Amino acid sequence: MAEHLALKWGTLKSWNLESDQSLAAAQRYMDGGVSMSAMAQHDTDDQKQALCDLIDVIDGEITNDWSGETMTKDQAKRYVLEYGKETGVRS
């Protein structure tokens, strides 16, 4: 199975990672502490940066889990960094 990420609620929902680079970036993200539920996850600025680093190094598809749409790396990073800012739902 190829590498992939699924994003939901502005954060990481599911993944398949194979390369040392993507695994290291994911570990940096996880080191910040994660919830069992993507809906309950509130990423810190450091976690958002680690997730953006993961997006940069992944060699595979990135999808929006809500819509099923495939996202470019730039779209995915914008989604992670801007999610909830308009509504104030997330910080």
PDB file of N, CA and C in Angstrom:
ATOM      1  N   MET A   1       0.848  -1.191   0.000  1.00  0.00           N
ATOM      2  CA  MET A   1       0.000   0.000   0.000  1.00  0.00           C
ATOM      3  C   MET A   1       0.883   1.241   0.000  1.00  0.00           C
ATOM      4  N   ALA A   2       0.538   2.207  -0.800  1.00  0.00           N
ATOM      5  CA  ALA A   2       1.304   3.452  -0.902  1.00  0.00           C
ATOM      6  C   ALA A   2       1.021   4.365   0.294  1.00  0.00           C
ATOM      7  N   GLU A   3       1.941   5.278   0.511  1.00  0.00           N
ATOM      8  CA  GLU A   3       1.733   6.255   1.585  1.00  0.00           C
ATOM      9  C   GLU A   3       0.492   7.098   1.291  1.00  0.00           C
ATOM     10  N   HIS A   4      -0.205   7.467   2.346  1.00  0.00           N
ATOM     11  CA  HIS A   4      -1.330   8.392   2.203  1.00  0.00           C
ATOM     12  C   HIS A   4      -1.641   9.039   3.556  1.00  0.00           C
ATOM     13  N   LEU A   5      -2.298  10.188   3.472  1.00  0.00           N
ATOM     14  CA  LEU A   5      -2.820  10.889   4.649  1.00  0.00           C
ATOM     15  C   LEU A   5      -4.275  11.220   4.400  1.00  0.00           C
ATOM     16  N   ALA A   6      -5.074  11.172   5.451  1.00  0.00           N
ATOM     17  CA  ALA A   6      -6.443  11.683   5.407  1.00  0.00           C
ATOM     18  C   ALA A   6      -6.546  12.738   6.500  1.00  0.00           C
ATOM     19  N   LEU A   7      -7.048  13.908   6.131  1.00  0.00           N
ATOM     20  CA  LEU A   7      -7.195  15.022   7.062  1.00  0.00           C
ATOM     21  C   LEU A   7      -8.672  15.268   7.321  1.00  0.00           C
ATOM     22  N   LYS A   8      -8.987  15.610   8.563  1.00  0.00           N
ATOM     23  CA  LYS A   8     -10.364  15.937   8.933  1.00  0.00           C
ATOM     24  C   LYS A   8     -10.313  16.856  10.138  1.00  0.00           C
ATOM     25  N   TRP A   9     -11.225  17.800  10.207  1.00  0.00           N
ATOM     26  CA  TRP A   9     -11.277  18.789  11.289  1.00  0.00           C
ATOM     27  C   TRP A   9      -9.951  19.523  11.425  1.00  0.00           C
ATOM     28  N   GLY A  10      -9.243  19.700  10.313  1.00  0.00           N
ATOM     29  CA  GLY A  10      -7.995  20.447  10.306  1.00  0.00           C
ATOM     30  C   GLY A  10      -6.808  19.704  10.876  1.00  0.00           C
ATOM     31  N   THR A  11      -6.953  18.392  11.062  1.00  0.00           N
ATOM     32  CA  THR A  11      -5.871  17.625  11.653  1.00  0.00           C
ATOM     33  C   THR A  11      -5.737  16.262  10.969  1.00  0.00           C
ATOM     34  N   LEU A  12      -4.854  15.470  11.463  1.00  0.00           N
ATOM     35  CA  LEU A  12      -4.585  14.147  10.915  1.00  0.00           C
ATOM     36  C   LEU A  12      -5.636  13.161  11.401  1.00  0.00           C
ATOM     37  N   LYS A  13      -6.296  12.491  10.462  1.00  0.00           N
ATOM     38  CA  LYS A  13      -7.285  11.481  10.839  1.00  0.00           C
ATOM     39  C   LYS A  13      -6.755  10.069  10.656  1.00  0.00           C
ATOM     40  N   SER A  14      -6.159   9.792   9.497  1.00  0.00           N
ATOM     41  CA  SER A  14      -5.603   8.460   9.259  1.00  0.00           C
ATOM     42  C   SER A  14      -4.413   8.573   8.322  1.00  0.00           C
ATOM     43  N   TRP A  15      -3.624   7.498   8.275  1.00  0.00           N
ATOM     44  CA  TRP A  15      -2.389   7.567   7.511  1.00  0.00           C
ATOM     45  C   TRP A  15      -1.862   6.170   7.226  1.00  0.00           C
ATOM     46  N   ASN A  16      -1.022   6.104   6.241  1.00  0.00           N
ATOM     47  CA  ASN A  16      -0.151   4.969   5.988  1.00  0.00           C
ATOM     48  C   ASN A  16       1.193   5.572   5.611  1.00  0.00           C
ATOM     49  N   LEU A  17       2.196   5.302   6.414  1.00  0.00           N
ATOM     50  CA  LEU A  17       3.517   5.896   6.208  1.00  0.00           C
ATOM     51  C   LEU A  17       4.551   4.799   6.065  1.00  0.00           C
ATOM     52  N   GLU A  18       5.501   5.006   5.166  1.00  0.00           N
ATOM     53  CA  GLU A  18       6.504   3.981   4.906  1.00  0.00           C
ATOM     54  C   GLU A  18       7.935   4.493   4.966  1.00  0.00           C
ATOM     55  N   SER A  19       8.173   5.744   4.598  1.00  0.00           N
ATOM     56  CA  SER A  19       9.552   6.240   4.525  1.00  0.00           C
ATOM     57  C   SER A  19      10.033   6.706   5.898  1.00  0.00           C
ATOM     58  N   ASP A  20      11.344   6.680   6.062  1.00  0.00           N
ATOM     59  CA  ASP A  20      11.934   7.157   7.315  1.00  0.00           C
ATOM     60  C   ASP A  20      11.586   8.624   7.559  1.00  0.00           C
ATOM     61  N   GLN A  21      11.582   9.432   6.500  1.00  0.00           N
ATOM     62  CA  GLN A  21      11.274  10.864   6.641  1.00  0.00           C
ATOM     63  C   GLN A  21       9.839  11.076   7.104  1.00  0.00           C
ATOM     64  N   SER A  22       8.894  10.388   6.492  1.00  0.00           N
ATOM     65  CA  SER A  22       7.497  10.588   6.884  1.00  0.00           C
ATOM     66  C   SER A  22       7.243  10.032   8.284  1.00  0.00           C
ATOM     67  N   LEU A  23       7.861   8.912   8.621  1.00  0.00           N
ATOM     68  CA  LEU A  23       7.704   8.362   9.970  1.00  0.00           C
ATOM     69  C   LEU A  23       8.283   9.297  11.025  1.00  0.00           C
ATOM     70  N   ALA A  24       9.419   9.922  10.736  1.00  0.00           N
ATOM     71  CA  ALA A  24      10.032  10.861  11.688  1.00  0.00           C
ATOM     72  C   ALA A  24       9.154  12.103  11.869  1.00  0.00           C
ATOM     73  N   ALA A  25       8.595  12.614  10.775  1.00  0.00           N
ATOM     74  CA  ALA A  25       7.714  13.784  10.877  1.00  0.00           C
ATOM     75  C   ALA A  25       6.456  13.434  11.663  1.00  0.00           C
ATOM     76  N   ALA A  26       5.910  12.263  11.430  1.00  0.00           N
ATOM     77  CA  ALA A  26       4.717  11.831  12.171  1.00  0.00           C
ATOM     78  C   ALA A  26       5.028  11.671  13.658  1.00  0.00           C
ATOM     79  N   GLN A  27       6.218  11.154  13.970  1.00  0.00           N
ATOM     80  CA  GLN A  27       6.593  10.999  15.369  1.00  0.00           C
ATOM     81  C   GLN A  27       6.689  12.354  16.064  1.00  0.00           C
ATOM     82  N   ARG A  28       7.240  13.356  15.372  1.00  0.00           N
ATOM     83  CA  ARG A  28       7.299  14.713  15.951  1.00  0.00           C
ATOM     84  C   ARG A  28       5.882  15.224  16.222  1.00  0.00           C
ATOM     85  N   TYR A  29       4.968  14.957  15.307  1.00  0.00           N
ATOM     86  CA  TYR A  29       3.571  15.350  15.507  1.00  0.00           C
ATOM     87  C   TYR A  29       2.990  14.634  16.733  1.00  0.00           C
ATOM     88  N   MET A  30       3.167  13.329  16.811  1.00  0.00           N
ATOM     89  CA  MET A  30       2.600  12.532  17.905  1.00  0.00           C
ATOM     90  C   MET A  30       3.217  12.890  19.258  1.00  0.00           C
ATOM     91  N   ASP A  31       4.472  13.305  19.250  1.00  0.00           N
ATOM     92  CA  ASP A  31       5.147  13.663  20.501  1.00  0.00           C
ATOM     93  C   ASP A  31       4.461  14.823  21.208  1.00  0.00           C
ATOM     94  N   GLY A  32       3.674  15.603  20.477  1.00  0.00           N
ATOM     95  CA  GLY A  32       2.946  16.715  21.078  1.00  0.00           C
ATOM     96  C   GLY A  32       1.700  16.281  21.829  1.00  0.00           C
ATOM     97  N   GLY A  33       1.374  15.004  21.746  1.00  0.00           N
ATOM     98  CA  GLY A  33       0.181  14.479  22.404  1.00  0.00           C
ATOM     99  C   GLY A  33      -0.999  14.495  21.449  1.00  0.00           C
ATOM    100  N   VAL A  34      -1.688  13.385  21.360  1.00  0.00           N
ATOM    101  CA  VAL A  34      -2.823  13.285  20.445  1.00  0.00           C
ATOM    102  C   VAL A  34      -4.011  12.639  21.128  1.00  0.00           C
ATOM    103  N   SER A  35      -5.178  13.034  20.676  1.00  0.00           N
ATOM    104  CA  SER A  35      -6.429  12.467  21.156  1.00  0.00           C
ATOM    105  C   SER A  35      -6.743  11.210  20.357  1.00  0.00           C
ATOM    106  N   MET A  36      -7.523  10.329  20.911  1.00  0.00           N
ATOM    107  CA  MET A  36      -7.980   9.146  20.178  1.00  0.00           C
ATOM    108  C   MET A  36      -8.948   9.540  19.061  1.00  0.00           C
ATOM    109  N   SER A  37      -9.483  10.736  19.122  1.00  0.00           N
ATOM    110  CA  SER A  37     -10.459  11.208  18.148  1.00  0.00           C
ATOM    111  C   SER A  37      -9.932  12.444  17.431  1.00  0.00           C
ATOM    112  N   ALA A  38      -9.965  12.436  16.102  1.00  0.00           N
ATOM    113  CA  ALA A  38      -9.540  13.619  15.343  1.00  0.00           C
ATOM    114  C   ALA A  38     -10.422  14.813  15.700  1.00  0.00           C
ATOM    115  N   MET A  39     -11.699  14.571  15.967  1.00  0.00           N
ATOM    116  CA  MET A  39     -12.615  15.660  16.299  1.00  0.00           C
ATOM    117  C   MET A  39     -12.206  16.360  17.596  1.00  0.00           C
ATOM    118  N   ALA A  40     -11.643  15.619  18.518  1.00  0.00           N
ATOM    119  CA  ALA A  40     -11.254  16.182  19.812  1.00  0.00           C
ATOM    120  C   ALA A  40      -9.811  16.696  19.824  1.00  0.00           C
ATOM    121  N   GLN A  41      -9.078  16.492  18.743  1.00  0.00           N
ATOM    122  CA  GLN A  41      -7.679  16.909  18.682  1.00  0.00           C
ATOM    123  C   GLN A  41      -7.578  18.422  18.497  1.00  0.00           C
ATOM    124  N   HIS A  42      -6.768  19.052  19.300  1.00  0.00           N
ATOM    125  CA  HIS A  42      -6.499  20.484  19.186  1.00  0.00           C
ATOM    126  C   HIS A  42      -4.989  20.657  19.061  1.00  0.00           C
ATOM    127  N   ASP A  43      -4.535  20.738  17.820  1.00  0.00           N
ATOM    128  CA  ASP A  43      -3.102  20.801  17.556  1.00  0.00           C
ATOM    129  C   ASP A  43      -2.492  22.112  18.037  1.00  0.00           C
ATOM    130  N   THR A  44      -1.300  21.985  18.605  1.00  0.00           N
ATOM    131  CA  THR A  44      -0.508  23.160  18.971  1.00  0.00           C
ATOM    132  C   THR A  44       0.139  23.709  17.698  1.00  0.00           C
ATOM    133  N   ASP A  45       0.729  24.879  17.807  1.00  0.00           N
ATOM    134  CA  ASP A  45       1.447  25.431  16.658  1.00  0.00           C
ATOM    135  C   ASP A  45       2.591  24.510  16.239  1.00  0.00           C
ATOM    136  N   ASP A  46       3.270  23.905  17.203  1.00  0.00           N
ATOM    137  CA  ASP A  46       4.352  22.973  16.888  1.00  0.00           C
ATOM    138  C   ASP A  46       3.820  21.732  16.165  1.00  0.00           C
ATOM    139  N   GLN A  47       2.671  21.243  16.595  1.00  0.00           N
ATOM    140  CA  GLN A  47       2.078  20.086  15.919  1.00  0.00           C
ATOM    141  C   GLN A  47       1.637  20.441  14.503  1.00  0.00           C
ATOM    142  N   LYS A  48       1.081  21.627  14.328  1.00  0.00           N
ATOM    143  CA  LYS A  48       0.693  22.050  12.982  1.00  0.00           C
ATOM    144  C   LYS A  48       1.908  22.117  12.074  1.00  0.00           C
ATOM    145  N   GLN A  49       3.034  22.608  12.603  1.00  0.00           N
ATOM    146  CA  GLN A  49       4.259  22.662  11.808  1.00  0.00           C
ATOM    147  C   GLN A  49       4.752  21.254  11.486  1.00  0.00           C
ATOM    148  N   ALA A  50       4.703  20.356  12.453  1.00  0.00           N
ATOM    149  CA  ALA A  50       5.125  18.975  12.211  1.00  0.00           C
ATOM    150  C   ALA A  50       4.226  18.312  11.171  1.00  0.00           C
ATOM    151  N   LEU A  51       2.929  18.603  11.224  1.00  0.00           N
ATOM    152  CA  LEU A  51       2.005  18.052  10.242  1.00  0.00           C
ATOM    153  C   LEU A  51       2.286  18.615   8.849  1.00  0.00           C
ATOM    154  N   CYS A  52       2.593  19.897   8.779  1.00  0.00           N
ATOM    155  CA  CYS A  52       2.980  20.493   7.492  1.00  0.00           C
ATOM    156  C   CYS A  52       4.273  19.875   6.974  1.00  0.00           C
ATOM    157  N   ASP A  53       5.223  19.593   7.866  1.00  0.00           N
ATOM    158  CA  ASP A  53       6.461  18.924   7.464  1.00  0.00           C
ATOM    159  C   ASP A  53       6.153  17.522   6.932  1.00  0.00           C
ATOM    160  N   LEU A  54       5.228  16.831   7.580  1.00  0.00           N
ATOM    161  CA  LEU A  54       4.816  15.511   7.114  1.00  0.00           C
ATOM    162  C   LEU A  54       4.187  15.608   5.728  1.00  0.00           C
ATOM    163  N   ILE A  55       3.332  16.586   5.537  1.00  0.00           N
ATOM    164  CA  ILE A  55       2.711  16.796   4.228  1.00  0.00           C
ATOM    165  C   ILE A  55       3.786  17.023   3.169  1.00  0.00           C
ATOM    166  N   ASP A  56       4.806  17.790   3.507  1.00  0.00           N
ATOM    167  CA  ASP A  56       5.886  18.071   2.554  1.00  0.00           C
ATOM    168  C   ASP A  56       6.652  16.819   2.141  1.00  0.00           C
ATOM    169  N   VAL A  57       6.843  15.867   3.059  1.00  0.00           N
ATOM    170  CA  VAL A  57       7.692  14.717   2.751  1.00  0.00           C
ATOM    171  C   VAL A  57       6.937  13.473   2.294  1.00  0.00           C
ATOM    172  N   ILE A  58       5.624  13.452   2.485  1.00  0.00           N
ATOM    173  CA  ILE A  58       4.887  12.244   2.108  1.00  0.00           C
ATOM    174  C   ILE A  58       4.935  12.035   0.596  1.00  0.00           C
ATOM    175  N   ASP A  59       5.087  10.792   0.211  1.00  0.00           N
ATOM    176  CA  ASP A  59       5.105  10.424  -1.194  1.00  0.00           C
ATOM    177  C   ASP A  59       3.827   9.635  -1.480  1.00  0.00           C
ATOM    178  N   GLY A  60       2.729  10.370  -1.522  1.00  0.00           N
ATOM    179  CA  GLY A  60       1.452   9.710  -1.739  1.00  0.00           C
ATOM    180  C   GLY A  60       0.307  10.696  -1.698  1.00  0.00           C
ATOM    181  N   GLU A  61      -0.882  10.150  -1.702  1.00  0.00           N
ATOM    182  CA  GLU A  61      -2.110  10.944  -1.781  1.00  0.00           C
ATOM    183  C   GLU A  61      -2.489  11.530  -0.432  1.00  0.00           C
ATOM    184  N   ILE A  62      -3.021  12.738  -0.487  1.00  0.00           N
ATOM    185  CA  ILE A  62      -3.562  13.411   0.698  1.00  0.00           C
ATOM    186  C   ILE A  62      -5.023  13.704   0.391  1.00  0.00           C
ATOM    187  N   THR A  63      -5.915  13.256   1.265  1.00  0.00           N
ATOM    188  CA  THR A  63      -7.337  13.465   1.016  1.00  0.00           C
ATOM    189  C   THR A  63      -8.004  14.216   2.158  1.00  0.00           C
ATOM    190  N   ASN A  64      -9.066  14.917   1.800  1.00  0.00           N
ATOM    191  CA  ASN A  64      -9.951  15.540   2.765  1.00  0.00           C
ATOM    192  C   ASN A  64     -10.990  14.482   3.101  1.00  0.00           C
ATOM    193  N   ASP A  65     -11.006  14.027   4.350  1.00  0.00           N
ATOM    194  CA  ASP A  65     -11.892  12.935   4.734  1.00  0.00           C
ATOM    195  C   ASP A  65     -13.370  13.317   4.681  1.00  0.00           C
ATOM    196  N   TRP A  66     -13.689  14.600   4.785  1.00  0.00           N
ATOM    197  CA  TRP A  66     -15.084  15.039   4.677  1.00  0.00           C
ATOM    198  C   TRP A  66     -15.597  14.867   3.261  1.00  0.00           C
ATOM    199  N   SER A  67     -14.834  15.369   2.305  1.00  0.00           N
ATOM    200  CA  SER A  67     -15.316  15.429   0.923  1.00  0.00           C
ATOM    201  C   SER A  67     -14.808  14.287   0.049  1.00  0.00           C
ATOM    202  N   GLY A  68     -13.748  13.632   0.480  1.00  0.00           N
ATOM    203  CA  GLY A  68     -13.141  12.603  -0.340  1.00  0.00           C
ATOM    204  C   GLY A  68     -12.236  13.160  -1.421  1.00  0.00           C
ATOM    205  N   GLU A  69     -12.125  14.491  -1.477  1.00  0.00           N
ATOM    206  CA  GLU A  69     -11.295  15.122  -2.497  1.00  0.00           C
ATOM    207  C   GLU A  69      -9.820  14.932  -2.208  1.00  0.00           C
ATOM    208  N   THR A  70      -9.052  14.759  -3.283  1.00  0.00           N
ATOM    209  CA  THR A  70      -7.601  14.728  -3.177  1.00  0.00           C
ATOM    210  C   THR A  70      -7.102  16.166  -3.083  1.00  0.00           C
ATOM    211  N   MET A  71      -6.159  16.384  -2.189  1.00  0.00           N
ATOM    212  CA  MET A  71      -5.617  17.721  -1.962  1.00  0.00           C
ATOM    213  C   MET A  71      -4.167  17.780  -2.426  1.00  0.00           C
ATOM    214  N   THR A  72      -3.775  18.938  -2.966  1.00  0.00           N
ATOM    215  CA  THR A  72      -2.361  19.164  -3.226  1.00  0.00           C
ATOM    216  C   THR A  72      -1.675  19.398  -1.884  1.00  0.00           C
ATOM    217  N   LYS A  73      -0.369  19.368  -1.884  1.00  0.00           N
ATOM    218  CA  LYS A  73       0.359  19.637  -0.641  1.00  0.00           C
ATOM    219  C   LYS A  73       0.070  21.046  -0.134  1.00  0.00           C
ATOM    220  N   ASP A  74       0.003  22.017  -1.039  1.00  0.00           N
ATOM    221  CA  ASP A  74      -0.299  23.392  -0.624  1.00  0.00           C
ATOM    222  C   ASP A  74      -1.706  23.499  -0.055  1.00  0.00           C
ATOM    223  N   GLN A  75      -2.672  22.847  -0.676  1.00  0.00           N
ATOM    224  CA  GLN A  75      -4.046  22.862  -0.161  1.00  0.00           C
ATOM    225  C   GLN A  75      -4.110  22.209   1.221  1.00  0.00           C
ATOM    226  N   ALA A  76      -3.403  21.108   1.384  1.00  0.00           N
ATOM    227  CA  ALA A  76      -3.411  20.394   2.660  1.00  0.00           C
ATOM    228  C   ALA A  76      -2.801  21.244   3.774  1.00  0.00           C
ATOM    229  N   LYS A  77      -1.690  21.891   3.482  1.00  0.00           N
ATOM    230  CA  LYS A  77      -1.058  22.742   4.506  1.00  0.00           C
ATOM    231  C   LYS A  77      -1.946  23.936   4.851  1.00  0.00           C
ATOM    232  N   ARG A  78      -2.561  24.527   3.859  1.00  0.00           N
ATOM    233  CA  ARG A  78      -3.474  25.641   4.118  1.00  0.00           C
ATOM    234  C   ARG A  78      -4.648  25.165   4.990  1.00  0.00           C
ATOM    235  N   TYR A  79      -5.168  23.986   4.697  1.00  0.00           N
ATOM    236  CA  TYR A  79      -6.264  23.409   5.477  1.00  0.00           C
ATOM    237  C   TYR A  79      -5.857  23.236   6.942  1.00  0.00           C
ATOM    238  N   VAL A  80      -4.672  22.697   7.167  1.00  0.00           N
ATOM    239  CA  VAL A  80      -4.177  22.486   8.528  1.00  0.00           C
ATOM    240  C   VAL A  80      -3.978  23.816   9.259  1.00  0.00           C
ATOM    241  N   LEU A  81      -3.397  24.781   8.585  1.00  0.00           N
ATOM    242  CA  LEU A  81      -3.058  26.057   9.226  1.00  0.00           C
ATOM    243  C   LEU A  81      -4.249  26.988   9.399  1.00  0.00           C
ATOM    244  N   GLU A  82      -5.249  26.875   8.539  1.00  0.00           N
ATOM    245  CA  GLU A  82      -6.359  27.836   8.570  1.00  0.00           C
ATOM    246  C   GLU A  82      -7.663  27.268   9.107  1.00  0.00           C
ATOM    247  N   TYR A  83      -7.729  25.986   9.375  1.00  0.00           N
ATOM    248  CA  TYR A  83      -8.982  25.381   9.797  1.00  0.00           C
ATOM    249  C   TYR A  83      -9.526  26.038  11.074  1.00  0.00           C
ATOM    250  N   GLY A  84     -10.770  26.456  11.022  1.00  0.00           N
ATOM    251  CA  GLY A  84     -11.444  27.023  12.188  1.00  0.00           C
ATOM    252  C   GLY A  84     -11.162  28.486  12.458  1.00  0.00           C
ATOM    253  N   LYS A  85     -10.262  29.110  11.716  1.00  0.00           N
ATOM    254  CA  LYS A  85      -9.928  30.511  11.984  1.00  0.00           C
ATOM    255  C   LYS A  85     -11.091  31.441  11.658  1.00  0.00           C
ATOM    256  N   GLU A  86     -11.861  31.136  10.615  1.00  0.00           N
ATOM    257  CA  GLU A  86     -12.975  32.012  10.244  1.00  0.00           C
ATOM    258  C   GLU A  86     -14.090  31.945  11.284  1.00  0.00           C
ATOM    259  N   THR A  87     -14.337  30.763  11.823  1.00  0.00           N
ATOM    260  CA  THR A  87     -15.445  30.589  12.764  1.00  0.00           C
ATOM    261  C   THR A  87     -15.003  30.685  14.221  1.00  0.00           C
ATOM    262  N   GLY A  88     -13.705  30.613  14.438  1.00  0.00           N
ATOM    263  CA  GLY A  88     -13.204  30.651  15.807  1.00  0.00           C
ATOM    264  C   GLY A  88     -13.392  29.337  16.529  1.00  0.00           C
ATOM    265  N   VAL A  89     -13.757  28.267  15.791  1.00  0.00           N
ATOM    266  CA  VAL A  89     -14.012  26.978  16.394  1.00  0.00           C
ATOM    267  C   VAL A  89     -12.750  26.418  17.023  1.00  0.00           C
ATOM    268  N   ARG A  90     -11.635  26.560  16.346  1.00  0.00           N
ATOM    269  CA  ARG A  90     -10.368  26.030  16.836  1.00  0.00           C
ATOM    270  C   ARG A  90      -9.346  27.155  16.914  1.00  0.00           C
ATOM    271  N   SER A  91      -8.411  26.966  17.788  1.00  0.00           N
ATOM    272  CA  SER A  91      -7.343  27.949  17.881  1.00  0.00           C
ATOM    273  C   SER A  91      -6.097  27.448  17.230  1.00  0.00           C
TER     274      SER A  91
END
